[in-house]
Amino acid sequence: MGFHIMPALKLSPKYQVVIPREIREALHLTPGQNVQVIAYEDRIELIPEKPIQSMRGFLKGIATDVPRDGDRF
């Protein structure tokens, strides 16, 4: 997706924000999807949760012949 600069958001009286359509579409966000909220230094980060099934195969091709400590499998 890269980095997108968006106009400033305004908090509603209930402290809600609307994620701009461009961002929702780029990240394939859906209504009701869980999002982790992280306070980091002086900013707020939103991390969309993904179903574990979508992670299948993401390590395909990783080198498994690296040296390991004796107590690691």
PDB file of N, CA and C in Angstrom:
ATOM      1  N   MET A   1       0.817  -1.179   0.000  1.00  0.00           N
ATOM      2  CA  MET A   1       0.000   0.000   0.000  1.00  0.00           C
ATOM      3  C   MET A   1       0.866   1.249   0.000  1.00  0.00           C
ATOM      4  N   GLY A   2       1.942   1.245   0.724  1.00  0.00           N
ATOM      5  CA  GLY A   2       2.775   2.426   0.794  1.00  0.00           C
ATOM      6  C   GLY A   2       2.283   3.394   1.850  1.00  0.00           C
ATOM      7  N   PHE A   3       2.672   4.629   1.705  1.00  0.00           N
ATOM      8  CA  PHE A   3       2.359   5.658   2.689  1.00  0.00           C
ATOM      9  C   PHE A   3       1.379   6.645   2.079  1.00  0.00           C
ATOM     10  N   HIS A   4       0.268   6.889   2.763  1.00  0.00           N
ATOM     11  CA  HIS A   4      -0.737   7.835   2.291  1.00  0.00           C
ATOM     12  C   HIS A   4      -0.842   8.991   3.279  1.00  0.00           C
ATOM     13  N   ILE A   5      -0.831  10.203   2.763  1.00  0.00           N
ATOM     14  CA  ILE A   5      -1.076  11.370   3.603  1.00  0.00           C
ATOM     15  C   ILE A   5      -2.524  11.781   3.387  1.00  0.00           C
ATOM     16  N   MET A   6      -3.270  11.804   4.473  1.00  0.00           N
ATOM     17  CA  MET A   6      -4.690  12.116   4.402  1.00  0.00           C
ATOM     18  C   MET A   6      -4.951  13.398   5.178  1.00  0.00           C
ATOM     19  N   PRO A   7      -6.063  14.053   4.850  1.00  0.00           N
ATOM     20  CA  PRO A   7      -6.427  15.235   5.636  1.00  0.00           C
ATOM     21  C   PRO A   7      -6.642  14.850   7.097  1.00  0.00           C
ATOM     22  N   ALA A   8      -6.555  15.833   7.961  1.00  0.00           N
ATOM     23  CA  ALA A   8      -6.759  15.581   9.385  1.00  0.00           C
ATOM     24  C   ALA A   8      -8.173  15.071   9.634  1.00  0.00           C
ATOM     25  N   LEU A   9      -8.303  14.210  10.626  1.00  0.00           N
ATOM     26  CA  LEU A   9      -9.609  13.698  11.030  1.00  0.00           C
ATOM     27  C   LEU A   9     -10.100  14.494  12.227  1.00  0.00           C
ATOM     28  N   LYS A  10     -11.392  14.503  12.401  1.00  0.00           N
ATOM     29  CA  LYS A  10     -11.972  15.192  13.545  1.00  0.00           C
ATOM     30  C   LYS A  10     -12.671  14.172  14.426  1.00  0.00           C
ATOM     31  N   LEU A  11     -12.418  14.236  15.713  1.00  0.00           N
ATOM     32  CA  LEU A  11     -13.102  13.359  16.651  1.00  0.00           C
ATOM     33  C   LEU A  11     -14.543  13.810  16.808  1.00  0.00           C
ATOM     34  N   SER A  12     -15.452  12.838  16.825  1.00  0.00           N
ATOM     35  CA  SER A  12     -16.854  13.162  17.087  1.00  0.00           C
ATOM     36  C   SER A  12     -17.020  13.408  18.595  1.00  0.00           C
ATOM     37  N   PRO A  13     -18.186  13.913  19.002  1.00  0.00           N
ATOM     38  CA  PRO A  13     -18.421  14.097  20.442  1.00  0.00           C
ATOM     39  C   PRO A  13     -18.295  12.792  21.233  1.00  0.00           C
ATOM     40  N   LYS A  14     -18.433  11.634  20.543  1.00  0.00           N
ATOM     41  CA  LYS A  14     -18.286  10.332  21.207  1.00  0.00           C
ATOM     42  C   LYS A  14     -16.877   9.760  21.001  1.00  0.00           C
ATOM     43  N   TYR A  15     -15.935  10.592  20.563  1.00  0.00           N
ATOM     44  CA  TYR A  15     -14.541  10.196  20.327  1.00  0.00           C
ATOM     45  C   TYR A  15     -14.406   9.168  19.214  1.00  0.00           C
ATOM     46  N   GLN A  16     -15.263   9.224  18.221  1.00  0.00           N
ATOM     47  CA  GLN A  16     -15.197   8.317  17.075  1.00  0.00           C
ATOM     48  C   GLN A  16     -14.549   9.030  15.898  1.00  0.00           C
ATOM     49  N   VAL A  17     -13.934   8.238  15.017  1.00  0.00           N
ATOM     50  CA  VAL A  17     -13.362   8.772  13.777  1.00  0.00           C
ATOM     51  C   VAL A  17     -13.856   7.927  12.611  1.00  0.00           C
ATOM     52  N   VAL A  18     -13.823   8.505  11.426  1.00  0.00           N
ATOM     53  CA  VAL A  18     -14.172   7.778  10.205  1.00  0.00           C
ATOM     54  C   VAL A  18     -12.883   7.567   9.425  1.00  0.00           C
ATOM     55  N   ILE A  19     -12.600   6.312   9.070  1.00  0.00           N
ATOM     56  CA  ILE A  19     -11.425   6.003   8.263  1.00  0.00           C
ATOM     57  C   ILE A  19     -11.781   6.330   6.810  1.00  0.00           C
ATOM     58  N   PRO A  20     -10.997   7.171   6.143  1.00  0.00           N
ATOM     59  CA  PRO A  20     -11.314   7.559   4.773  1.00  0.00           C
ATOM     60  C   PRO A  20     -11.442   6.354   3.835  1.00  0.00           C
ATOM     61  N   ARG A  21     -12.330   6.471   2.859  1.00  0.00           N
ATOM     62  CA  ARG A  21     -12.619   5.377   1.937  1.00  0.00           C
ATOM     63  C   ARG A  21     -11.350   4.854   1.255  1.00  0.00           C
ATOM     64  N   GLU A  22     -10.463   5.750   0.834  1.00  0.00           N
ATOM     65  CA  GLU A  22      -9.235   5.323   0.154  1.00  0.00           C
ATOM     66  C   GLU A  22      -8.437   4.352   1.026  1.00  0.00           C
ATOM     67  N   ILE A  23      -8.340   4.647   2.307  1.00  0.00           N
ATOM     68  CA  ILE A  23      -7.608   3.783   3.237  1.00  0.00           C
ATOM     69  C   ILE A  23      -8.364   2.480   3.458  1.00  0.00           C
ATOM     70  N   ARG A  24      -9.687   2.568   3.667  1.00  0.00           N
ATOM     71  CA  ARG A  24     -10.496   1.349   3.871  1.00  0.00           C
ATOM     72  C   ARG A  24     -10.355   0.403   2.690  1.00  0.00           C
ATOM     73  N   GLU A  25     -10.419   0.948   1.483  1.00  0.00           N
ATOM     74  CA  GLU A  25     -10.321   0.106   0.286  1.00  0.00           C
ATOM     75  C   GLU A  25      -8.916  -0.462   0.110  1.00  0.00           C
ATOM     76  N   ALA A  26      -7.888   0.357   0.342  1.00  0.00           N
ATOM     77  CA  ALA A  26      -6.509  -0.103   0.174  1.00  0.00           C
ATOM     78  C   ALA A  26      -6.168  -1.225   1.151  1.00  0.00           C
ATOM     79  N   LEU A  27      -6.748  -1.166   2.370  1.00  0.00           N
ATOM     80  CA  LEU A  27      -6.462  -2.178   3.384  1.00  0.00           C
ATOM     81  C   LEU A  27      -7.521  -3.279   3.437  1.00  0.00           C
ATOM     82  N   HIS A  28      -8.511  -3.198   2.552  1.00  0.00           N
ATOM     83  CA  HIS A  28      -9.599  -4.185   2.488  1.00  0.00           C
ATOM     84  C   HIS A  28     -10.297  -4.327   3.835  1.00  0.00           C
ATOM     85  N   LEU A  29     -10.561  -3.195   4.492  1.00  0.00           N
ATOM     86  CA  LEU A  29     -11.263  -3.211   5.771  1.00  0.00           C
ATOM     87  C   LEU A  29     -12.750  -3.451   5.536  1.00  0.00           C
ATOM     88  N   THR A  30     -13.373  -4.143   6.475  1.00  0.00           N
ATOM     89  CA  THR A  30     -14.789  -4.444   6.358  1.00  0.00           C
ATOM     90  C   THR A  30     -15.519  -3.994   7.625  1.00  0.00           C
ATOM     91  N   PRO A  31     -16.808  -3.666   7.503  1.00  0.00           N
ATOM     92  CA  PRO A  31     -17.560  -3.280   8.700  1.00  0.00           C
ATOM     93  C   PRO A  31     -17.541  -4.404   9.735  1.00  0.00           C
ATOM     94  N   GLY A  32     -17.326  -4.052  10.977  1.00  0.00           N
ATOM     95  CA  GLY A  32     -17.298  -5.037  12.051  1.00  0.00           C
ATOM     96  C   GLY A  32     -15.941  -5.679  12.270  1.00  0.00           C
ATOM     97  N   GLN A  33     -14.979  -5.390  11.401  1.00  0.00           N
ATOM     98  CA  GLN A  33     -13.640  -5.968  11.550  1.00  0.00           C
ATOM     99  C   GLN A  33     -12.971  -5.391  12.794  1.00  0.00           C
ATOM    100  N   ASN A  34     -12.264  -6.234  13.535  1.00  0.00           N
ATOM    101  CA  ASN A  34     -11.536  -5.778  14.718  1.00  0.00           C
ATOM    102  C   ASN A  34     -10.254  -5.068  14.308  1.00  0.00           C
ATOM    103  N   VAL A  35      -9.926  -4.012  15.051  1.00  0.00           N
ATOM    104  CA  VAL A  35      -8.718  -3.240  14.808  1.00  0.00           C
ATOM    105  C   VAL A  35      -8.042  -3.023  16.158  1.00  0.00           C
ATOM    106  N   GLN A  36      -6.761  -3.340  16.234  1.00  0.00           N
ATOM    107  CA  GLN A  36      -5.994  -3.092  17.454  1.00  0.00           C
ATOM    108  C   GLN A  36      -5.625  -1.615  17.506  1.00  0.00           C
ATOM    109  N   VAL A  37      -5.718  -1.006  18.675  1.00  0.00           N
ATOM    110  CA  VAL A  37      -5.382   0.403  18.862  1.00  0.00           C
ATOM    111  C   VAL A  37      -4.151   0.472  19.759  1.00  0.00           C
ATOM    112  N   ILE A  38      -3.111   1.133  19.266  1.00  0.00           N
ATOM    113  CA  ILE A  38      -1.857   1.216  19.999  1.00  0.00           C
ATOM    114  C   ILE A  38      -1.474   2.677  20.161  1.00  0.00           C
ATOM    115  N   ALA A  39      -1.219   3.107  21.399  1.00  0.00           N
ATOM    116  CA  ALA A  39      -0.668   4.432  21.667  1.00  0.00           C
ATOM    117  C   ALA A  39       0.851   4.288  21.643  1.00  0.00           C
ATOM    118  N   TYR A  40       1.494   4.961  20.703  1.00  0.00           N
ATOM    119  CA  TYR A  40       2.943   4.854  20.542  1.00  0.00           C
ATOM    120  C   TYR A  40       3.523   6.265  20.520  1.00  0.00           C
ATOM    121  N   GLU A  41       4.327   6.567  21.525  1.00  0.00           N
ATOM    122  CA  GLU A  41       4.883   7.901  21.706  1.00  0.00           C
ATOM    123  C   GLU A  41       3.756   8.925  21.636  1.00  0.00           C
ATOM    124  N   ASP A  42       3.760   9.801  20.642  1.00  0.00           N
ATOM    125  CA  ASP A  42       2.741  10.844  20.581  1.00  0.00           C
ATOM    126  C   ASP A  42       1.727  10.607  19.466  1.00  0.00           C
ATOM    127  N   ARG A  43       1.508   9.337  19.109  1.00  0.00           N
ATOM    128  CA  ARG A  43       0.557   9.052  18.036  1.00  0.00           C
ATOM    129  C   ARG A  43      -0.286   7.828  18.371  1.00  0.00           C
ATOM    130  N   ILE A  44      -1.330   7.635  17.593  1.00  0.00           N
ATOM    131  CA  ILE A  44      -2.224   6.487  17.719  1.00  0.00           C
ATOM    132  C   ILE A  44      -2.075   5.649  16.448  1.00  0.00           C
ATOM    133  N   GLU A  45      -1.852   4.359  16.600  1.00  0.00           N
ATOM    134  CA  GLU A  45      -1.756   3.465  15.454  1.00  0.00           C
ATOM    135  C   GLU A  45      -2.914   2.487  15.481  1.00  0.00           C
ATOM    136  N   LEU A  46      -3.517   2.252  14.330  1.00  0.00           N
ATOM    137  CA  LEU A  46      -4.607   1.296  14.177  1.00  0.00           C
ATOM    138  C   LEU A  46      -4.098   0.135  13.341  1.00  0.00           C
ATOM    139  N   ILE A  47      -4.173  -1.068  13.885  1.00  0.00           N
ATOM    140  CA  ILE A  47      -3.672  -2.265  13.205  1.00  0.00           C
ATOM    141  C   ILE A  47      -4.847  -3.208  12.957  1.00  0.00           C
ATOM    142  N   PRO A  48      -5.257  -3.397  11.689  1.00  0.00           N
ATOM    143  CA  PRO A  48      -6.375  -4.303  11.412  1.00  0.00           C
ATOM    144  C   PRO A  48      -6.003  -5.746  11.751  1.00  0.00           C
ATOM    145  N   GLU A  49      -6.904  -6.438  12.420  1.00  0.00           N
ATOM    146  CA  GLU A  49      -6.700  -7.862  12.681  1.00  0.00           C
ATOM    147  C   GLU A  49      -7.081  -8.642  11.434  1.00  0.00           C
ATOM    148  N   LYS A  50      -6.359  -9.732  11.205  1.00  0.00           N
ATOM    149  CA  LYS A  50      -6.638 -10.592  10.057  1.00  0.00           C
ATOM    150  C   LYS A  50      -6.938 -11.993  10.566  1.00  0.00           C
ATOM    151  N   PRO A  51      -7.812 -12.725   9.871  1.00  0.00           N
ATOM    152  CA  PRO A  51      -8.069 -14.107  10.279  1.00  0.00           C
ATOM    153  C   PRO A  51      -6.790 -14.937  10.143  1.00  0.00           C
ATOM    154  N   ILE A  52      -6.588 -15.850  11.064  1.00  0.00           N
ATOM    155  CA  ILE A  52      -5.376 -16.671  11.038  1.00  0.00           C
ATOM    156  C   ILE A  52      -5.261 -17.449   9.733  1.00  0.00           C
ATOM    157  N   GLN A  53      -6.388 -17.792   9.114  1.00  0.00           N
ATOM    158  CA  GLN A  53      -6.363 -18.525   7.847  1.00  0.00           C
ATOM    159  C   GLN A  53      -5.679 -17.708   6.750  1.00  0.00           C
ATOM    160  N   SER A  54      -5.778 -16.383   6.818  1.00  0.00           N
ATOM    161  CA  SER A  54      -5.160 -15.551   5.787  1.00  0.00           C
ATOM    162  C   SER A  54      -3.641 -15.534   5.905  1.00  0.00           C
ATOM    163  N   MET A  55      -3.096 -16.009   7.022  1.00  0.00           N
ATOM    164  CA  MET A  55      -1.656 -16.029   7.226  1.00  0.00           C
ATOM    165  C   MET A  55      -1.013 -17.301   6.668  1.00  0.00           C
ATOM    166  N   ARG A  56      -1.839 -18.252   6.260  1.00  0.00           N
ATOM    167  CA  ARG A  56      -1.309 -19.520   5.756  1.00  0.00           C
ATOM    168  C   ARG A  56      -0.360 -19.266   4.583  1.00  0.00           C
ATOM    169  N   GLY A  57       0.843 -19.817   4.692  1.00  0.00           N
ATOM    170  CA  GLY A  57       1.827 -19.729   3.624  1.00  0.00           C
ATOM    171  C   GLY A  57       2.671 -18.467   3.633  1.00  0.00           C
ATOM    172  N   PHE A  58       2.489 -17.569   4.593  1.00  0.00           N
ATOM    173  CA  PHE A  58       3.244 -16.316   4.536  1.00  0.00           C
ATOM    174  C   PHE A  58       4.734 -16.512   4.807  1.00  0.00           C
ATOM    175  N   LEU A  59       5.126 -17.667   5.353  1.00  0.00           N
ATOM    176  CA  LEU A  59       6.542 -17.956   5.577  1.00  0.00           C
ATOM    177  C   LEU A  59       7.123 -18.887   4.514  1.00  0.00           C
ATOM    178  N   LYS A  60       6.360 -19.133   3.461  1.00  0.00           N
ATOM    179  CA  LYS A  60       6.823 -20.032   2.411  1.00  0.00           C
ATOM    180  C   LYS A  60       8.153 -19.529   1.853  1.00  0.00           C
ATOM    181  N   GLY A  61       9.106 -20.437   1.756  1.00  0.00           N
ATOM    182  CA  GLY A  61      10.408 -20.094   1.215  1.00  0.00           C
ATOM    183  C   GLY A  61      11.415 -19.614   2.246  1.00  0.00           C
ATOM    184  N   ILE A  62      11.025 -19.539   3.517  1.00  0.00           N
ATOM    185  CA  ILE A  62      11.955 -19.080   4.544  1.00  0.00           C
ATOM    186  C   ILE A  62      13.058 -20.123   4.729  1.00  0.00           C
ATOM    187  N   ALA A  63      14.267 -19.650   4.956  1.00  0.00           N
ATOM    188  CA  ALA A  63      15.402 -20.558   5.157  1.00  0.00           C
ATOM    189  C   ALA A  63      15.239 -21.291   6.479  1.00  0.00           C
ATOM    190  N   THR A  64      15.286 -22.606   6.440  1.00  0.00           N
ATOM    191  CA  THR A  64      15.153 -23.402   7.665  1.00  0.00           C
ATOM    192  C   THR A  64      16.482 -24.015   8.088  1.00  0.00           C
ATOM    193  N   ASP A  65      17.547 -23.729   7.341  1.00  0.00           N
ATOM    194  CA  ASP A  65      18.842 -24.327   7.641  1.00  0.00           C
ATOM    195  C   ASP A  65      19.772 -23.372   8.407  1.00  0.00           C
ATOM    196  N   VAL A  66      19.197 -22.415   9.107  1.00  0.00           N
ATOM    197  CA  VAL A  66      20.003 -21.475   9.890  1.00  0.00           C
ATOM    198  C   VAL A  66      20.440 -22.152  11.189  1.00  0.00           C
ATOM    199  N   PRO A  67      21.608 -21.761  11.711  1.00  0.00           N
ATOM    200  CA  PRO A  67      22.058 -22.347  12.983  1.00  0.00           C
ATOM    201  C   PRO A  67      21.071 -21.989  14.109  1.00  0.00           C
ATOM    202  N   ARG A  68      20.794 -22.965  14.985  1.00  0.00           N
ATOM    203  CA  ARG A  68      19.863 -22.749  16.082  1.00  0.00           C
ATOM    204  C   ARG A  68      20.524 -23.149  17.408  1.00  0.00           C
ATOM    205  N   ASP A  69      20.048 -22.528  18.462  1.00  0.00           N
ATOM    206  CA  ASP A  69      20.515 -22.911  19.790  1.00  0.00           C
ATOM    207  C   ASP A  69      20.092 -24.358  20.054  1.00  0.00           C
ATOM    208  N   GLY A  70      20.846 -25.037  20.909  1.00  0.00           N
ATOM    209  CA  GLY A  70      20.591 -26.450  21.188  1.00  0.00           C
ATOM    210  C   GLY A  70      19.213 -26.725  21.773  1.00  0.00           C
ATOM    211  N   ASP A  71      18.632 -25.743  22.459  1.00  0.00           N
ATOM    212  CA  ASP A  71      17.326 -25.985  23.068  1.00  0.00           C
ATOM    213  C   ASP A  71      16.172 -25.554  22.158  1.00  0.00           C
ATOM    214  N   ARG A  72      16.441 -25.259  20.893  1.00  0.00           N
ATOM    215  CA  ARG A  72      15.418 -24.842  19.946  1.00  0.00           C
ATOM    216  C   ARG A  72      15.207 -25.941  18.895  1.00  0.00           C
ATOM    217  N   PHE A  73      13.996 -26.073  18.457  1.00  0.00           N
ATOM    218  CA  PHE A  73      13.719 -27.083  17.433  1.00  0.00           C
ATOM    219  C   PHE A  73      13.804 -26.483  16.064  1.00  0.00           C
TER     220      PHE A  73
END
